[in-house]
Amino acid sequence: MRNRMYTQEDCDKWLNDDLKAVKRYVDPLIKVNINTLTQAALYSFAYNVGG
């Protein structure tokens, strides 16, 4: 929407919703134990590539 101002809370909620969806998609594909930083990198990659 043009000239629409969004609150920080709106943006945080949308980001969190998107990241939850990424997590639901990525987690079942991980078949080995990985550390938290690697997991975050996979989420970030999937989020930025889209799908």
C-alpha atoms as a PDB file:
ATOM      1  CA  MET A   1       0.000   0.000   0.000  1.00  0.00           C
ATOM      2  CA  ARG A   2       1.391   3.395  -0.900  1.00  0.00           C
ATOM      3  CA  ASN A   3       2.298   5.887   1.796  1.00  0.00           C
ATOM      4  CA  ARG A   4       1.412   3.399   4.528  1.00  0.00           C
ATOM      5  CA  MET A   5       3.363   3.566   7.754  1.00  0.00           C
ATOM      6  CA  TYR A   6       3.953   0.277   9.552  1.00  0.00           C
ATOM      7  CA  THR A   7       4.766  -0.011  13.225  1.00  0.00           C
ATOM      8  CA  GLN A   8       7.815  -1.861  14.467  1.00  0.00           C
ATOM      9  CA  GLU A   9       5.433  -4.363  16.049  1.00  0.00           C
ATOM     10  CA  ASP A  10       3.775  -5.019  12.660  1.00  0.00           C
ATOM     11  CA  CYS A  11       7.131  -5.590  10.995  1.00  0.00           C
ATOM     12  CA  ASP A  12       8.400  -7.813  13.816  1.00  0.00           C
ATOM     13  CA  LYS A  13       5.258  -9.956  13.647  1.00  0.00           C
ATOM     14  CA  TRP A  14       5.533 -10.388   9.860  1.00  0.00           C
ATOM     15  CA  LEU A  15       9.199 -11.297  10.121  1.00  0.00           C
ATOM     16  CA  ASN A  16       8.550 -13.787  12.932  1.00  0.00           C
ATOM     17  CA  ASP A  17       5.699 -15.372  10.970  1.00  0.00           C
ATOM     18  CA  ASP A  18       7.936 -15.707   7.904  1.00  0.00           C
ATOM     19  CA  LEU A  19      10.779 -17.182   9.962  1.00  0.00           C
ATOM     20  CA  LYS A  20       8.442 -19.716  11.581  1.00  0.00           C
ATOM     21  CA  ALA A  21       7.406 -20.865   8.107  1.00  0.00           C
ATOM     22  CA  VAL A  22      11.069 -21.167   7.054  1.00  0.00           C
ATOM     23  CA  LYS A  23      11.833 -23.176  10.204  1.00  0.00           C
ATOM     24  CA  ARG A  24       8.934 -25.571   9.492  1.00  0.00           C
ATOM     25  CA  TYR A  25      10.287 -26.118   5.985  1.00  0.00           C
ATOM     26  CA  VAL A  26      14.007 -26.406   6.798  1.00  0.00           C
ATOM     27  CA  ASP A  27      13.969 -28.436  10.039  1.00  0.00           C
ATOM     28  CA  PRO A  28      12.659 -31.703   8.511  1.00  0.00           C
ATOM     29  CA  LEU A  29      15.408 -31.553   5.882  1.00  0.00           C
ATOM     30  CA  ILE A  30      18.229 -31.512   8.458  1.00  0.00           C
ATOM     31  CA  LYS A  31      19.263 -35.124   9.051  1.00  0.00           C
ATOM     32  CA  VAL A  32      22.385 -34.572  11.172  1.00  0.00           C
ATOM     33  CA  ASN A  33      23.119 -32.670  14.362  1.00  0.00           C
ATOM     34  CA  ILE A  34      24.187 -29.089  13.657  1.00  0.00           C
ATOM     35  CA  ASN A  35      24.987 -26.220  15.959  1.00  0.00           C
ATOM     36  CA  THR A  36      22.737 -23.213  16.448  1.00  0.00           C
ATOM     37  CA  LEU A  37      24.837 -20.913  14.252  1.00  0.00           C
ATOM     38  CA  THR A  38      24.694 -23.339  11.331  1.00  0.00           C
ATOM     39  CA  GLN A  39      20.961 -23.733  11.820  1.00  0.00           C
ATOM     40  CA  ALA A  40      20.531 -19.941  11.798  1.00  0.00           C
ATOM     41  CA  ALA A  41      22.609 -19.704   8.614  1.00  0.00           C
ATOM     42  CA  LEU A  42      20.368 -22.266   6.907  1.00  0.00           C
ATOM     43  CA  TYR A  43      17.257 -20.362   7.980  1.00  0.00           C
ATOM     44  CA  SER A  44      18.755 -17.113   6.730  1.00  0.00           C
ATOM     45  CA  PHE A  45      19.694 -18.650   3.389  1.00  0.00           C
ATOM     46  CA  ALA A  46      16.239 -20.194   2.894  1.00  0.00           C
ATOM     47  CA  TYR A  47      14.536 -16.951   3.886  1.00  0.00           C
ATOM     48  CA  ASN A  48      16.616 -14.839   1.504  1.00  0.00           C
ATOM     49  CA  VAL A  49      16.384 -17.243  -1.435  1.00  0.00           C
ATOM     50  CA  GLY A  50      12.658 -17.649  -0.943  1.00  0.00           C
ATOM     51  CA  GLY A  51      10.566 -20.416  -2.247  1.00  0.00           C
END
